[in-house]
Amino acid sequence: MSSSSYSSSNPICRHGIPSNLEAVKKGNVSHERNFFRCSLWKTTNDCEFFKWEKDMYDNLSQKVEELNQKSQVMAEEKKLLVIKIKSKKMKILKMKNEIK
């Protein structure tokens, strides 16, 4: 038994539609634990989409951290490229002045 919540930001199942967020209502170790599953599971019974909410957000948190680290590396690379470009521009200006 579970309760259900739909949001367009929920993960997409193989049918291409947002899944439902549901909570386990059975009195076992998963009691009140949230999970996502296909919103058509009652009518089609052919979609095996299932994700625990915590696992999904843990994975997203890890991805965000990875992207933040990559962003920092790219920002440093950008600084280096800007310095190289300025250096090249100065060389070009120097060469132009020597030609005159």
N, C-alpha and C. Protein backbone atom coordinates (compact mmCIF):
# COMPACT_ATOMS: atom_id res chain seq x y z
N MET A 1 0.84 -1.18 0.00
CA MET A 1 0.00 0.00 0.00
C MET A 1 0.88 1.24 0.00
N SER A 2 0.54 2.25 -0.80
CA SER A 2 1.35 3.47 -0.84
C SER A 2 0.48 4.66 -1.21
N SER A 3 0.97 5.86 -0.85
CA SER A 3 0.30 7.08 -1.29
C SER A 3 1.09 7.61 -2.48
N SER A 4 0.47 8.44 -3.33
CA SER A 4 1.09 8.82 -4.57
C SER A 4 1.09 10.33 -4.76
N SER A 5 2.16 10.84 -5.40
CA SER A 5 2.29 12.25 -5.69
C SER A 5 2.92 12.42 -7.07
N TYR A 6 2.30 13.24 -7.92
CA TYR A 6 2.78 13.46 -9.28
C TYR A 6 3.35 14.87 -9.39
N SER A 7 4.47 14.99 -10.10
CA SER A 7 5.05 16.30 -10.41
C SER A 7 5.77 16.18 -11.74
N SER A 8 5.70 17.22 -12.55
CA SER A 8 6.37 17.18 -13.85
C SER A 8 7.89 17.14 -13.70
N SER A 9 8.40 17.41 -12.48
CA SER A 9 9.85 17.35 -12.26
C SER A 9 10.30 15.97 -11.78
N ASN A 10 9.36 15.03 -11.59
CA ASN A 10 9.72 13.67 -11.21
C ASN A 10 10.48 13.00 -12.34
N PRO A 11 11.29 11.99 -12.05
CA PRO A 11 12.03 11.29 -13.11
C PRO A 11 11.09 10.71 -14.16
N ILE A 12 11.59 10.60 -15.38
CA ILE A 12 10.81 10.11 -16.51
C ILE A 12 10.98 8.59 -16.64
N CYS A 13 9.87 7.88 -16.80
CA CYS A 13 9.93 6.43 -16.99
C CYS A 13 10.10 6.12 -18.48
N ARG A 14 10.12 4.84 -18.83
CA ARG A 14 10.34 4.48 -20.23
C ARG A 14 9.16 4.84 -21.14
N HIS A 15 8.01 5.18 -20.56
CA HIS A 15 6.88 5.63 -21.36
C HIS A 15 7.04 7.10 -21.77
N GLY A 16 8.06 7.76 -21.20
CA GLY A 16 8.31 9.16 -21.53
C GLY A 16 7.47 10.12 -20.71
N ILE A 17 6.92 9.66 -19.60
CA ILE A 17 6.10 10.52 -18.75
C ILE A 17 6.68 10.55 -17.33
N PRO A 18 6.42 11.64 -16.59
CA PRO A 18 6.93 11.70 -15.22
C PRO A 18 6.36 10.58 -14.35
N SER A 19 7.20 10.05 -13.51
CA SER A 19 6.79 9.00 -12.58
C SER A 19 6.04 9.58 -11.39
N ASN A 20 5.46 8.70 -10.60
CA ASN A 20 4.80 9.12 -9.35
C ASN A 20 5.78 8.95 -8.20
N LEU A 21 5.72 9.87 -7.24
CA LEU A 21 6.45 9.72 -5.99
C LEU A 21 5.49 9.08 -5.01
N GLU A 22 5.90 7.96 -4.46
CA GLU A 22 5.03 7.22 -3.56
C GLU A 22 5.77 6.90 -2.27
N ALA A 23 5.02 6.58 -1.23
CA ALA A 23 5.60 6.21 0.06
C ALA A 23 5.12 4.83 0.46
N VAL A 24 6.05 4.02 0.89
CA VAL A 24 5.69 2.68 1.36
C VAL A 24 4.87 2.81 2.63
N LYS A 25 3.74 2.14 2.67
CA LYS A 25 2.87 2.20 3.85
C LYS A 25 2.83 0.88 4.62
N LYS A 26 3.53 -0.13 4.10
CA LYS A 26 3.59 -1.42 4.80
C LYS A 26 4.43 -1.28 6.06
N GLY A 27 4.11 -2.06 7.05
CA GLY A 27 4.86 -2.01 8.30
C GLY A 27 6.11 -2.85 8.26
N ASN A 28 7.03 -2.57 7.32
CA ASN A 28 8.29 -3.31 7.25
C ASN A 28 9.46 -2.33 7.32
N VAL A 29 10.67 -2.78 7.01
CA VAL A 29 11.85 -1.92 7.12
C VAL A 29 11.80 -0.72 6.17
N SER A 30 11.02 -0.81 5.13
CA SER A 30 10.89 0.30 4.17
C SER A 30 9.71 1.22 4.49
N HIS A 31 9.06 1.02 5.62
CA HIS A 31 7.88 1.80 5.99
C HIS A 31 8.17 3.30 5.87
N GLU A 32 7.31 4.01 5.17
CA GLU A 32 7.39 5.46 4.96
C GLU A 32 8.56 5.88 4.08
N ARG A 33 9.25 4.95 3.48
CA ARG A 33 10.34 5.30 2.56
C ARG A 33 9.72 5.68 1.21
N ASN A 34 10.21 6.78 0.62
CA ASN A 34 9.66 7.26 -0.65
C ASN A 34 10.36 6.63 -1.85
N PHE A 35 9.59 6.43 -2.91
CA PHE A 35 10.15 5.89 -4.15
C PHE A 35 9.37 6.43 -5.34
N PHE A 36 10.00 6.37 -6.51
CA PHE A 36 9.36 6.75 -7.76
C PHE A 36 9.04 5.49 -8.53
N ARG A 37 7.87 5.47 -9.18
CA ARG A 37 7.54 4.38 -10.10
C ARG A 37 6.64 4.91 -11.19
N CYS A 38 6.56 4.14 -12.27
CA CYS A 38 5.77 4.53 -13.44
C CYS A 38 4.35 4.88 -13.02
N SER A 39 3.85 6.00 -13.53
CA SER A 39 2.49 6.41 -13.18
C SER A 39 1.43 5.54 -13.86
N LEU A 40 1.85 4.73 -14.82
CA LEU A 40 0.91 3.83 -15.51
C LEU A 40 0.97 2.40 -15.00
N TRP A 41 1.68 2.17 -13.91
CA TRP A 41 1.91 0.79 -13.46
C TRP A 41 0.62 0.02 -13.20
N LYS A 42 -0.44 0.71 -12.77
CA LYS A 42 -1.70 0.00 -12.49
C LYS A 42 -2.41 -0.44 -13.76
N THR A 43 -2.25 0.34 -14.84
CA THR A 43 -3.00 0.04 -16.06
C THR A 43 -2.20 -0.77 -17.08
N THR A 44 -0.89 -0.54 -17.16
CA THR A 44 -0.11 -1.25 -18.19
C THR A 44 0.65 -2.44 -17.65
N ASN A 45 1.15 -2.33 -16.44
CA ASN A 45 1.91 -3.40 -15.79
C ASN A 45 3.08 -3.87 -16.65
N ASP A 46 3.59 -2.99 -17.55
CA ASP A 46 4.71 -3.39 -18.41
C ASP A 46 5.94 -2.51 -18.22
N CYS A 47 5.90 -1.62 -17.25
CA CYS A 47 7.04 -0.73 -17.01
C CYS A 47 7.65 -1.09 -15.66
N GLU A 48 8.94 -1.33 -15.68
CA GLU A 48 9.63 -1.71 -14.45
C GLU A 48 10.35 -0.54 -13.80
N PHE A 49 10.00 0.69 -14.20
CA PHE A 49 10.69 1.85 -13.64
C PHE A 49 10.45 1.93 -12.14
N PHE A 50 11.56 2.01 -11.40
CA PHE A 50 11.49 2.11 -9.94
C PHE A 50 12.80 2.72 -9.45
N LYS A 51 12.71 3.74 -8.61
CA LYS A 51 13.89 4.34 -7.98
C LYS A 51 13.51 4.80 -6.58
N TRP A 52 14.37 4.47 -5.62
CA TRP A 52 14.18 5.02 -4.28
C TRP A 52 14.51 6.50 -4.35
N GLU A 53 13.70 7.32 -3.71
CA GLU A 53 13.90 8.77 -3.74
C GLU A 53 15.28 9.15 -3.21
N LYS A 54 15.67 8.58 -2.08
CA LYS A 54 16.96 8.92 -1.47
C LYS A 54 18.11 8.60 -2.41
N ASP A 55 18.06 7.43 -3.06
CA ASP A 55 19.13 7.05 -3.98
C ASP A 55 19.23 8.03 -5.14
N MET A 56 18.07 8.43 -5.65
CA MET A 56 18.07 9.35 -6.78
C MET A 56 18.69 10.69 -6.39
N TYR A 57 18.31 11.21 -5.22
CA TYR A 57 18.85 12.50 -4.80
C TYR A 57 20.30 12.41 -4.37
N ASP A 58 20.71 11.26 -3.83
CA ASP A 58 22.13 11.06 -3.53
C ASP A 58 22.94 11.11 -4.81
N ASN A 59 22.43 10.44 -5.86
CA ASN A 59 23.11 10.45 -7.16
C ASN A 59 23.14 11.85 -7.74
N LEU A 60 22.05 12.58 -7.62
CA LEU A 60 22.01 13.95 -8.12
C LEU A 60 22.99 14.84 -7.37
N SER A 61 23.08 14.67 -6.06
CA SER A 61 24.02 15.46 -5.27
C SER A 61 25.45 15.19 -5.71
N GLN A 62 25.75 13.93 -5.99
CA GLN A 62 27.08 13.56 -6.47
C GLN A 62 27.35 14.21 -7.83
N LYS A 63 26.37 14.18 -8.72
CA LYS A 63 26.54 14.79 -10.05
C LYS A 63 26.74 16.29 -9.94
N VAL A 64 25.99 16.95 -9.05
CA VAL A 64 26.15 18.39 -8.85
C VAL A 64 27.56 18.70 -8.36
N GLU A 65 28.05 17.92 -7.43
CA GLU A 65 29.41 18.11 -6.93
C GLU A 65 30.44 17.95 -8.04
N GLU A 66 30.27 16.91 -8.87
CA GLU A 66 31.18 16.70 -10.00
C GLU A 66 31.14 17.88 -10.95
N LEU A 67 29.94 18.39 -11.25
CA LEU A 67 29.81 19.54 -12.15
C LEU A 67 30.42 20.79 -11.55
N ASN A 68 30.27 20.97 -10.24
CA ASN A 68 30.88 22.12 -9.58
C ASN A 68 32.41 22.06 -9.69
N GLN A 69 32.96 20.86 -9.50
CA GLN A 69 34.41 20.71 -9.62
C GLN A 69 34.88 20.98 -11.05
N LYS A 70 34.15 20.46 -12.03
CA LYS A 70 34.50 20.71 -13.43
C LYS A 70 34.39 22.19 -13.75
N SER A 71 33.38 22.85 -13.20
CA SER A 71 33.20 24.28 -13.42
C SER A 71 34.38 25.07 -12.87
N GLN A 72 34.88 24.68 -11.70
CA GLN A 72 36.04 25.36 -11.11
C GLN A 72 37.28 25.17 -11.98
N VAL A 73 37.47 23.96 -12.49
CA VAL A 73 38.61 23.69 -13.37
C VAL A 73 38.49 24.53 -14.63
N MET A 74 37.29 24.59 -15.20
CA MET A 74 37.08 25.37 -16.42
C MET A 74 37.30 26.86 -16.17
N ALA A 75 36.92 27.35 -15.02
CA ALA A 75 37.14 28.76 -14.68
C ALA A 75 38.64 29.06 -14.62
N GLU A 76 39.41 28.15 -14.05
CA GLU A 76 40.86 28.32 -14.00
C GLU A 76 41.46 28.27 -15.41
N GLU A 77 40.97 27.33 -16.23
CA GLU A 77 41.46 27.24 -17.61
C GLU A 77 41.12 28.51 -18.38
N LYS A 78 39.95 29.07 -18.12
CA LYS A 78 39.55 30.31 -18.78
C LYS A 78 40.50 31.44 -18.41
N LYS A 79 40.86 31.53 -17.14
CA LYS A 79 41.79 32.57 -16.70
C LYS A 79 43.12 32.45 -17.44
N LEU A 80 43.62 31.21 -17.56
CA LEU A 80 44.87 30.99 -18.27
C LEU A 80 44.77 31.38 -19.74
N LEU A 81 43.64 31.04 -20.36
CA LEU A 81 43.44 31.39 -21.77
C LEU A 81 43.36 32.91 -21.96
N VAL A 82 42.72 33.59 -21.05
CA VAL A 82 42.63 35.06 -21.13
C VAL A 82 44.03 35.66 -21.05
N ILE A 83 44.85 35.13 -20.16
CA ILE A 83 46.23 35.62 -20.03
C ILE A 83 47.00 35.37 -21.33
N LYS A 84 46.85 34.18 -21.91
CA LYS A 84 47.53 33.87 -23.17
C LYS A 84 47.07 34.79 -24.29
N ILE A 85 45.77 35.05 -24.35
CA ILE A 85 45.24 35.93 -25.39
C ILE A 85 45.80 37.34 -25.24
N LYS A 86 45.84 37.84 -24.02
CA LYS A 86 46.40 39.17 -23.77
C LYS A 86 47.86 39.23 -24.19
N SER A 87 48.58 38.17 -23.87
CA SER A 87 49.99 38.10 -24.25
C SER A 87 50.15 38.13 -25.77
N LYS A 88 49.33 37.36 -26.47
CA LYS A 88 49.39 37.32 -27.94
C LYS A 88 49.02 38.68 -28.52
N LYS A 89 48.02 39.34 -27.95
CA LYS A 89 47.63 40.68 -28.43
C LYS A 89 48.77 41.66 -28.26
N MET A 90 49.46 41.57 -27.14
CA MET A 90 50.59 42.47 -26.90
C MET A 90 51.71 42.21 -27.90
N LYS A 91 51.95 40.94 -28.22
CA LYS A 91 52.98 40.61 -29.21
C LYS A 91 52.60 41.16 -30.58
N ILE A 92 51.34 41.04 -30.93
CA ILE A 92 50.86 41.55 -32.21
C ILE A 92 51.02 43.06 -32.27
N LEU A 93 50.64 43.76 -31.20
CA LEU A 93 50.80 45.22 -31.16
C LEU A 93 52.27 45.62 -31.28
N LYS A 94 53.12 44.87 -30.60
CA LYS A 94 54.56 45.15 -30.66
C LYS A 94 55.06 44.98 -32.09
N MET A 95 54.63 43.89 -32.76
CA MET A 95 55.04 43.64 -34.12
C MET A 95 54.53 44.75 -35.06
N LYS A 96 53.29 45.20 -34.84
CA LYS A 96 52.74 46.27 -35.67
C LYS A 96 53.55 47.55 -35.50
N ASN A 97 53.93 47.84 -34.26
CA ASN A 97 54.72 49.05 -34.01
C ASN A 97 56.10 48.95 -34.63
N GLU A 98 56.69 47.74 -34.67
CA GLU A 98 58.00 47.56 -35.29
C GLU A 98 57.93 47.74 -36.79
N ILE A 99 56.80 47.36 -37.38
CA ILE A 99 56.64 47.50 -38.84
C ILE A 99 56.55 48.96 -39.23
N LYS A 100 55.95 49.81 -38.40
CA LYS A 100 55.77 51.23 -38.73
C LYS A 100 57.04 51.92 -38.76
